[in-house]
Amino acid sequence: MACLLRARNLSFSVARRVRCMSNVPENSVYSGPKSQNPNQRVTLSHLRQKHRASQPITMVTAYDYPAAVHLDTAAIDICLVGDSAAMVVHGHDTTLPITLDEMLVHCRAVARGAKTPLLIGDLPFGTYESGSNQAVDTAVRILKEGGMDAIKLEGGSPSRIFAAKAIVEAGIAVMGHVGLTPQAISVLGGFRPQGKNVASAVKVVETALALQEAGCFAVVLECVPAPVAAAATAALQIPTIGIGAGPFCSGQVLVYHDLLGMLQHPHHAKVFVAYLNLVLLSNIIGFIANFEVTYLFQVTPKFCKQYAHVGNVINKALLEYKEDVANGSFPDALHSPYKISRTDADVFSNELQRLGLDKAASAASEAVQKMVTTK
């Protein structure tokens, strides 16, 4: 009997040691979304509150654990695990080659590092176009296997709208994406800005409205003229997140590597790197003053030689980006490069009025005036 008791105690001890070596909490059932405690994690309710209060939303695209930890430290609202990892991390020329399994690896890494931002995973090309069943299955995997809180899909064709609606009806939050949609470069003829003529501008607004009607909680507007983004933002009742779309969106998103000046991509404005360098130079004195204090709290292995302290620069850049978005100084006219002619802007406003979107028409007209004033 004593031998049996000792064996049971030994078995329990080994089991406890195995559990303690695991990085999965004992109460975990599956690797789905983290508990959405409003005091700890950004939720859709939190984003709606910021939108109602006209408080800018900050979003950064990241692909790995270290980047996710930095976003967490800077209290960025949303972390998007984008299919742009195909270009930024894997070195492809487009976003098309990345697979769902590769995306899931990035999602899981980010989910382990970002504890407070809302986590959104992109549906990669070829994983949701065949029908609503395929779209829902892919979205479920992004949440259950990737640990995301929501998904993002591109485009506004009827099939994409139908897919978005099906995913929402399956109980999964969806962010839309219009304007320059990198998965559609075969149709667009490359990474080309959208909304630069009347027909294209109206299509951006109408597509955003269709995604809202499908149940999306927000829409990304990529590479469109600022007046077009202003019109879409005014027409919608959900937040718009701009990238290369001017200062009139509900929030902004940049790729982590881009805003830190790490590397550049064909479909992103290269002028931002110069802007970041100017910001860092203007703040170099403050950085040096804080360096020693920050360094004291860094823990590194004794065998590790530190050739640079990039983490301090990264955190400073993220906080400055967050502050610029919050106070409305980014993006300014310099970083809103895509233009629509004054003539086309007037026709666009008239077309919006004809569609019954008077508020959107006024927003577009006001945006034109503001962009001229801030040049």
Protein backbone atom coordinates (compact mmCIF):
# COMPACT_ATOMS: atom_id res chain seq x y z
CA MET A 1 0.00 0.00 0.00
CA ALA A 2 2.86 2.33 0.89
CA CYS A 3 4.53 1.59 -2.46
CA LEU A 4 1.30 2.36 -4.31
CA LEU A 5 0.94 5.67 -2.43
CA ARG A 6 4.54 6.64 -3.24
CA ALA A 7 3.95 5.81 -6.91
CA ARG A 8 0.82 7.96 -7.01
CA ASN A 9 2.67 10.85 -5.35
CA LEU A 10 5.54 10.50 -7.83
CA SER A 11 3.09 10.48 -10.75
CA PHE A 12 1.36 13.61 -9.42
CA SER A 13 4.72 15.33 -8.92
CA VAL A 14 5.82 14.56 -12.48
CA ALA A 15 2.47 15.76 -13.84
CA ARG A 16 2.82 18.99 -11.90
CA ARG A 17 6.33 19.55 -13.23
CA VAL A 18 5.14 18.93 -16.80
CA ARG A 19 2.27 21.40 -16.37
CA CYS A 20 4.58 24.00 -14.85
CA MET A 21 6.88 23.72 -17.86
CA SER A 22 3.99 24.47 -20.20
CA ASN A 23 3.28 28.05 -21.26
CA VAL A 24 -0.45 27.27 -21.49
CA PRO A 25 -2.49 28.24 -18.40
CA GLU A 26 -4.13 25.32 -16.60
CA ASN A 27 -7.59 26.72 -17.23
CA SER A 28 -7.06 26.95 -21.00
CA VAL A 29 -9.52 24.89 -23.05
CA TYR A 30 -8.47 25.95 -26.57
CA SER A 31 -6.18 28.51 -28.13
CA GLY A 32 -8.94 30.88 -29.21
CA PRO A 33 -9.35 34.57 -28.38
CA LYS A 34 -8.11 35.74 -25.01
CA SER A 35 -10.63 36.80 -22.37
CA GLN A 36 -11.97 40.17 -23.43
CA ASN A 37 -11.84 41.89 -20.04
CA PRO A 38 -12.63 45.55 -20.80
CA ASN A 39 -10.14 46.60 -18.13
CA GLN A 40 -7.32 44.66 -19.79
CA ARG A 41 -8.00 44.04 -23.47
CA VAL A 42 -9.32 46.42 -26.13
CA THR A 43 -12.74 45.26 -27.27
CA LEU A 44 -15.20 46.27 -29.98
CA SER A 45 -17.12 48.17 -27.30
CA HIS A 46 -13.99 50.14 -26.49
CA LEU A 47 -13.49 51.01 -30.17
CA ARG A 48 -17.12 52.09 -30.50
CA GLN A 49 -16.73 54.36 -27.48
CA LYS A 50 -13.62 55.97 -28.96
CA HIS A 51 -15.41 56.40 -32.29
CA ARG A 52 -18.45 58.04 -30.67
CA ALA A 53 -16.15 60.36 -28.74
CA SER A 54 -14.17 61.17 -31.94
CA GLN A 55 -11.00 59.84 -30.34
CA PRO A 56 -8.55 58.61 -33.02
CA ILE A 57 -7.92 54.85 -33.11
CA THR A 58 -4.35 53.56 -33.44
CA MET A 59 -3.59 50.36 -35.33
CA VAL A 60 -0.27 48.76 -36.31
CA THR A 61 0.38 45.75 -38.53
CA ALA A 62 2.82 43.30 -36.94
CA TYR A 63 3.83 39.71 -37.52
CA ASP A 64 5.81 38.32 -34.57
CA TYR A 65 6.16 38.12 -30.80
CA PRO A 66 8.77 40.90 -30.27
CA ALA A 67 6.76 43.40 -32.31
CA ALA A 68 3.59 42.42 -30.45
CA VAL A 69 5.28 43.06 -27.11
CA HIS A 70 6.30 46.54 -28.25
CA LEU A 71 2.74 47.33 -29.38
CA ASP A 72 1.51 46.14 -26.01
CA THR A 73 3.96 48.43 -24.21
CA ALA A 74 2.87 51.42 -26.32
CA ALA A 75 -0.84 50.65 -25.68
CA ILE A 76 -1.72 50.57 -29.40
CA ASP A 77 -5.48 49.93 -29.81
CA ILE A 78 -5.42 47.29 -32.57
CA CYS A 79 -2.78 44.88 -33.83
CA LEU A 80 -3.39 43.54 -37.32
CA VAL A 81 -1.59 40.38 -38.37
CA GLY A 82 -1.58 41.22 -42.06
CA ASP A 83 -1.06 39.08 -45.13
CA SER A 84 1.55 41.72 -46.02
CA ALA A 85 3.82 39.37 -44.03
CA ALA A 86 4.28 37.73 -47.44
CA MET A 87 6.27 40.80 -48.50
CA VAL A 88 7.66 42.16 -45.24
CA VAL A 89 8.75 38.87 -43.64
CA HIS A 90 8.87 36.30 -46.45
CA GLY A 91 10.29 38.55 -49.17
CA HIS A 92 7.64 38.03 -51.86
CA ASP A 93 6.76 40.78 -54.32
CA THR A 94 3.03 40.59 -53.49
CA THR A 95 0.77 39.41 -50.69
CA LEU A 96 -0.65 36.56 -52.77
CA PRO A 97 1.75 33.68 -51.97
CA ILE A 98 1.25 33.48 -48.20
CA THR A 99 -0.80 30.47 -47.05
CA LEU A 100 -3.31 30.08 -44.26
CA ASP A 101 -0.93 27.83 -42.32
CA GLU A 102 1.81 30.47 -42.57
CA MET A 103 -0.63 33.15 -41.42
CA LEU A 104 -1.59 31.03 -38.42
CA VAL A 105 2.05 30.85 -37.32
CA HIS A 106 2.25 34.66 -37.36
CA CYS A 107 -1.10 34.97 -35.58
CA ARG A 108 -0.07 32.66 -32.75
CA ALA A 109 3.23 34.47 -32.26
CA VAL A 110 1.50 37.86 -32.05
CA ALA A 111 -1.21 36.52 -29.73
CA ARG A 112 1.46 35.40 -27.27
CA GLY A 113 3.01 38.87 -27.18
CA ALA A 114 0.08 41.32 -27.38
CA LYS A 115 -2.12 41.08 -24.31
CA THR A 116 -4.09 44.33 -24.58
CA PRO A 117 -4.63 45.31 -28.26
CA LEU A 118 -7.59 43.93 -30.20
CA LEU A 119 -6.09 41.24 -32.45
CA ILE A 120 -7.20 40.97 -36.08
CA GLY A 121 -6.00 38.38 -38.59
CA ASP A 122 -6.09 38.80 -42.36
CA LEU A 123 -7.79 36.14 -44.47
CA PRO A 124 -5.09 35.30 -47.05
CA PHE A 125 -5.76 35.16 -50.77
CA GLY A 126 -7.40 31.93 -51.90
CA THR A 127 -8.97 31.04 -48.55
CA TYR A 128 -12.38 32.71 -48.75
CA GLU A 129 -13.27 33.44 -52.38
CA SER A 130 -14.95 30.11 -53.24
CA GLY A 131 -18.03 30.61 -51.09
CA SER A 132 -19.42 31.42 -47.68
CA ASN A 133 -18.61 27.99 -46.25
CA GLN A 134 -14.94 28.32 -47.13
CA ALA A 135 -14.87 31.88 -45.77
CA VAL A 136 -16.44 30.88 -42.45
CA ASP A 137 -14.14 27.84 -42.10
CA THR A 138 -11.07 30.01 -42.65
CA ALA A 139 -12.28 32.67 -40.21
CA VAL A 140 -12.94 30.03 -37.55
CA ARG A 141 -9.37 28.73 -37.92
CA ILE A 142 -7.97 32.27 -37.57
CA LEU A 143 -9.75 32.58 -34.21
CA LYS A 144 -9.43 29.04 -32.84
CA GLU A 145 -5.93 28.21 -34.07
CA GLY A 146 -4.49 31.70 -34.44
CA GLY A 147 -5.77 33.23 -31.21
CA MET A 148 -7.23 36.28 -32.95
CA ASP A 149 -10.26 38.30 -31.83
CA ALA A 150 -11.50 39.20 -35.33
CA ILE A 151 -10.66 38.87 -39.02
CA LYS A 152 -10.14 41.26 -41.94
CA LEU A 153 -11.02 40.63 -45.57
CA GLU A 154 -10.40 42.70 -48.70
CA GLY A 155 -12.65 44.04 -51.40
CA GLY A 156 -16.29 44.81 -51.99
CA SER A 157 -17.42 42.54 -54.81
CA PRO A 158 -20.78 40.83 -54.19
CA SER A 159 -19.00 37.58 -53.28
CA ARG A 160 -16.79 39.37 -50.73
CA ILE A 161 -19.79 41.16 -49.22
CA PHE A 162 -21.62 37.85 -48.99
CA ALA A 163 -18.58 36.26 -47.33
CA ALA A 164 -18.34 39.09 -44.80
CA LYS A 165 -22.03 38.75 -43.96
CA ALA A 166 -21.72 34.96 -43.54
CA ILE A 167 -18.72 35.32 -41.23
CA VAL A 168 -20.51 37.92 -39.09
CA GLU A 169 -23.58 35.68 -38.89
CA ALA A 170 -21.26 32.89 -37.71
CA GLY A 171 -20.42 35.07 -34.71
CA ILE A 172 -17.06 36.40 -35.85
CA ALA A 173 -16.21 40.12 -35.97
CA VAL A 174 -15.13 41.36 -39.42
CA MET A 175 -13.11 44.40 -40.53
CA GLY A 176 -13.49 45.38 -44.18
CA HIS A 177 -10.85 46.80 -46.51
CA VAL A 178 -11.43 49.03 -49.57
CA GLY A 179 -9.41 51.31 -51.83
CA LEU A 180 -6.11 49.74 -52.79
CA THR A 181 -6.69 46.06 -52.04
CA PRO A 182 -3.33 44.29 -52.56
CA GLN A 183 -4.94 40.89 -53.16
CA ALA A 184 -6.60 42.35 -56.27
CA ILE A 185 -3.45 43.64 -57.99
CA SER A 186 -4.14 41.34 -60.94
CA VAL A 187 -7.32 43.34 -61.61
CA LEU A 188 -6.01 46.73 -60.45
CA GLY A 189 -2.87 46.43 -62.58
CA GLY A 190 -0.45 46.79 -59.68
CA PHE A 191 -0.29 48.68 -56.40
CA ARG A 192 -2.29 51.69 -57.61
CA PRO A 193 -4.15 54.31 -55.54
CA GLN A 194 -7.92 54.26 -55.90
CA GLY A 195 -10.58 56.99 -55.82
CA LYS A 196 -8.68 59.43 -58.04
CA ASN A 197 -11.59 59.98 -60.41
CA VAL A 198 -15.31 60.36 -59.82
CA ALA A 199 -16.36 56.81 -60.65
CA SER A 200 -13.60 55.29 -58.54
CA ALA A 201 -14.26 57.68 -55.64
CA VAL A 202 -17.98 56.86 -55.58
CA LYS A 203 -17.13 53.16 -55.70
CA VAL A 204 -14.94 53.50 -52.60
CA VAL A 205 -17.80 55.09 -50.64
CA GLU A 206 -20.45 52.66 -51.91
CA THR A 207 -18.22 49.64 -51.17
CA ALA A 208 -17.57 50.87 -47.64
CA LEU A 209 -21.31 51.29 -47.10
CA ALA A 210 -21.94 47.76 -48.41
CA LEU A 211 -19.39 46.34 -45.97
CA GLN A 212 -21.06 48.23 -43.13
CA GLU A 213 -24.42 46.81 -44.21
CA ALA A 214 -22.86 43.31 -44.17
CA GLY A 215 -22.03 43.80 -40.48
CA CYS A 216 -18.38 44.89 -40.49
CA PHE A 217 -17.34 46.75 -37.33
CA ALA A 218 -14.76 48.93 -39.17
CA VAL A 219 -13.31 49.50 -42.65
CA VAL A 220 -9.71 50.08 -43.73
CA LEU A 221 -9.31 52.75 -46.43
CA GLU A 222 -5.99 52.28 -48.25
CA CYS A 223 -4.33 54.71 -50.66
CA VAL A 224 -7.27 56.97 -51.53
CA PRO A 225 -7.41 60.80 -51.70
CA ALA A 226 -8.18 62.48 -48.38
CA PRO A 227 -11.54 63.96 -49.55
CA VAL A 228 -12.72 60.50 -50.59
CA ALA A 229 -11.73 59.06 -47.21
CA ALA A 230 -13.47 61.99 -45.50
CA ALA A 231 -16.65 61.27 -47.46
CA ALA A 232 -16.57 57.57 -46.62
CA THR A 233 -15.94 58.33 -42.94
CA ALA A 234 -18.87 60.74 -42.84
CA ALA A 235 -21.17 58.35 -44.67
CA LEU A 236 -20.43 55.44 -42.34
CA GLN A 237 -21.56 54.82 -38.79
CA ILE A 238 -18.55 52.58 -38.11
CA PRO A 239 -14.87 53.61 -37.78
CA THR A 240 -12.60 53.98 -40.79
CA ILE A 241 -8.91 53.18 -40.44
CA GLY A 242 -6.72 54.98 -42.95
CA ILE A 243 -3.40 54.05 -44.52
CA GLY A 244 -2.30 56.55 -47.11
CA ALA A 245 -5.81 58.02 -46.93
CA GLY A 246 -5.29 61.39 -45.26
CA PRO A 247 -6.14 62.76 -41.80
CA PHE A 248 -9.92 62.51 -41.85
CA CYS A 249 -10.35 58.82 -40.96
CA SER A 250 -11.43 57.57 -37.53
CA GLY A 251 -7.97 56.08 -37.02
CA GLN A 252 -4.70 55.23 -38.72
CA VAL A 253 -2.69 52.08 -39.43
CA LEU A 254 0.92 51.61 -40.49
CA VAL A 255 3.08 48.53 -40.88
CA TYR A 256 5.43 48.09 -37.91
CA HIS A 257 8.54 47.80 -40.05
CA ASP A 258 7.59 50.83 -42.13
CA LEU A 259 6.93 53.25 -39.29
CA LEU A 260 10.22 52.24 -37.69
CA GLY A 261 12.14 52.82 -40.92
CA MET A 262 13.31 49.21 -41.10
CA LEU A 263 12.58 48.64 -44.79
CA GLN A 264 10.32 49.84 -47.57
CA HIS A 265 7.78 48.23 -49.90
CA PRO A 266 6.52 49.12 -53.37
CA HIS A 267 2.97 49.79 -52.13
CA HIS A 268 3.80 52.14 -49.23
CA ALA A 269 4.83 55.81 -49.35
CA LYS A 270 8.61 56.00 -48.98
CA VAL A 271 8.57 59.58 -47.72
CA PHE A 272 7.65 58.40 -44.22
CA VAL A 273 11.15 57.08 -43.59
CA ALA A 274 12.57 60.58 -44.00
CA TYR A 275 9.89 61.92 -41.67
CA LEU A 276 10.79 59.32 -39.03
CA ASN A 277 14.48 60.22 -39.26
CA LEU A 278 13.64 63.88 -38.64
CA VAL A 279 11.55 62.95 -35.61
CA LEU A 280 14.34 60.85 -34.14
CA LEU A 281 16.96 63.54 -34.75
CA SER A 282 14.80 66.21 -33.13
CA ASN A 283 14.37 64.06 -30.05
CA ILE A 284 17.89 62.63 -29.78
CA ILE A 285 18.73 64.71 -26.70
CA GLY A 286 15.72 63.39 -24.83
CA PHE A 287 16.57 59.84 -25.91
CA ILE A 288 20.11 60.14 -24.50
CA ALA A 289 18.82 61.60 -21.25
CA ASN A 290 16.52 58.65 -20.71
CA PHE A 291 18.91 56.00 -21.97
CA GLU A 292 20.69 55.04 -18.75
CA VAL A 293 17.48 54.77 -16.72
CA THR A 294 15.83 52.59 -19.36
CA TYR A 295 18.89 50.38 -19.70
CA LEU A 296 18.94 49.55 -15.98
CA PHE A 297 15.60 47.76 -16.33
CA GLN A 298 16.58 45.64 -19.32
CA VAL A 299 17.30 41.98 -18.60
CA THR A 300 19.66 40.23 -21.00
CA PRO A 301 21.64 36.99 -20.70
CA LYS A 302 25.24 37.45 -19.49
CA PHE A 303 26.55 35.83 -22.68
CA CYS A 304 24.71 38.32 -24.93
CA LYS A 305 26.63 41.27 -26.32
CA GLN A 306 24.30 44.14 -27.11
CA TYR A 307 25.37 45.94 -30.28
CA ALA A 308 22.46 48.41 -30.13
CA HIS A 309 19.49 49.35 -27.97
CA VAL A 310 16.85 49.40 -30.68
CA GLY A 311 14.01 48.65 -28.24
CA ASN A 312 14.23 52.17 -26.81
CA VAL A 313 14.05 53.72 -30.27
CA ILE A 314 11.13 51.46 -31.22
CA ASN A 315 9.12 52.32 -28.12
CA LYS A 316 9.81 56.04 -28.61
CA ALA A 317 8.75 55.89 -32.28
CA LEU A 318 5.53 54.03 -31.45
CA LEU A 319 4.63 56.48 -28.69
CA GLU A 320 5.29 59.44 -31.01
CA TYR A 321 3.17 57.82 -33.73
CA LYS A 322 0.38 57.24 -31.22
CA GLU A 323 0.61 60.86 -30.04
CA ASP A 324 0.60 62.26 -33.59
CA VAL A 325 -2.50 60.24 -34.47
CA ALA A 326 -4.20 61.27 -31.23
CA ASN A 327 -3.53 64.99 -31.71
CA GLY A 328 -4.31 64.91 -35.44
CA SER A 329 -0.86 65.98 -36.66
CA PHE A 330 -0.46 62.71 -38.63
CA PRO A 331 -1.19 62.29 -41.42
CA ASP A 332 -0.69 65.86 -42.65
CA ALA A 333 -0.83 67.07 -46.25
CA LEU A 334 2.68 65.75 -46.92
CA HIS A 335 1.59 62.24 -45.98
CA SER A 336 -1.72 62.38 -47.87
CA PRO A 337 -0.21 62.10 -51.37
CA TYR A 338 -3.14 60.83 -53.41
CA LYS A 339 -5.08 63.64 -55.04
CA ILE A 340 -8.39 64.10 -56.78
CA SER A 341 -8.72 67.17 -58.97
CA ARG A 342 -10.88 70.05 -57.74
CA THR A 343 -13.22 69.54 -60.70
CA ASP A 344 -13.63 65.84 -60.00
CA ALA A 345 -14.05 66.56 -56.29
CA ASP A 346 -16.97 68.90 -57.06
CA VAL A 347 -18.57 66.34 -59.37
CA PHE A 348 -17.97 63.68 -56.69
CA SER A 349 -19.79 65.82 -54.11
CA ASN A 350 -22.69 66.35 -56.50
CA GLU A 351 -22.86 62.61 -57.17
CA LEU A 352 -22.94 61.93 -53.42
CA GLN A 353 -25.82 64.39 -53.02
CA ARG A 354 -27.64 62.66 -55.85
CA LEU A 355 -27.26 59.41 -53.92
CA GLY A 356 -28.77 61.04 -50.84
CA LEU A 357 -25.43 61.16 -48.99
CA ASP A 358 -25.51 64.87 -48.13
CA LYS A 359 -23.34 64.47 -45.04
CA ALA A 360 -20.71 62.63 -47.06
CA ALA A 361 -20.82 65.33 -49.76
CA SER A 362 -20.23 68.07 -47.17
CA ALA A 363 -17.37 66.11 -45.62
CA ALA A 364 -15.69 65.70 -49.01
CA SER A 365 -15.99 69.42 -49.78
CA GLU A 366 -14.66 70.39 -46.37
CA ALA A 367 -11.76 67.97 -46.76
CA VAL A 368 -10.79 69.58 -50.08
CA GLN A 369 -10.68 73.00 -48.39
CA LYS A 370 -8.67 71.71 -45.40
CA MET A 371 -6.12 69.95 -47.58
CA VAL A 372 -5.62 73.14 -49.61
CA THR A 373 -5.27 75.19 -46.41
CA THR A 374 -2.72 72.88 -44.80
CA LYS A 375 -0.42 72.66 -47.83
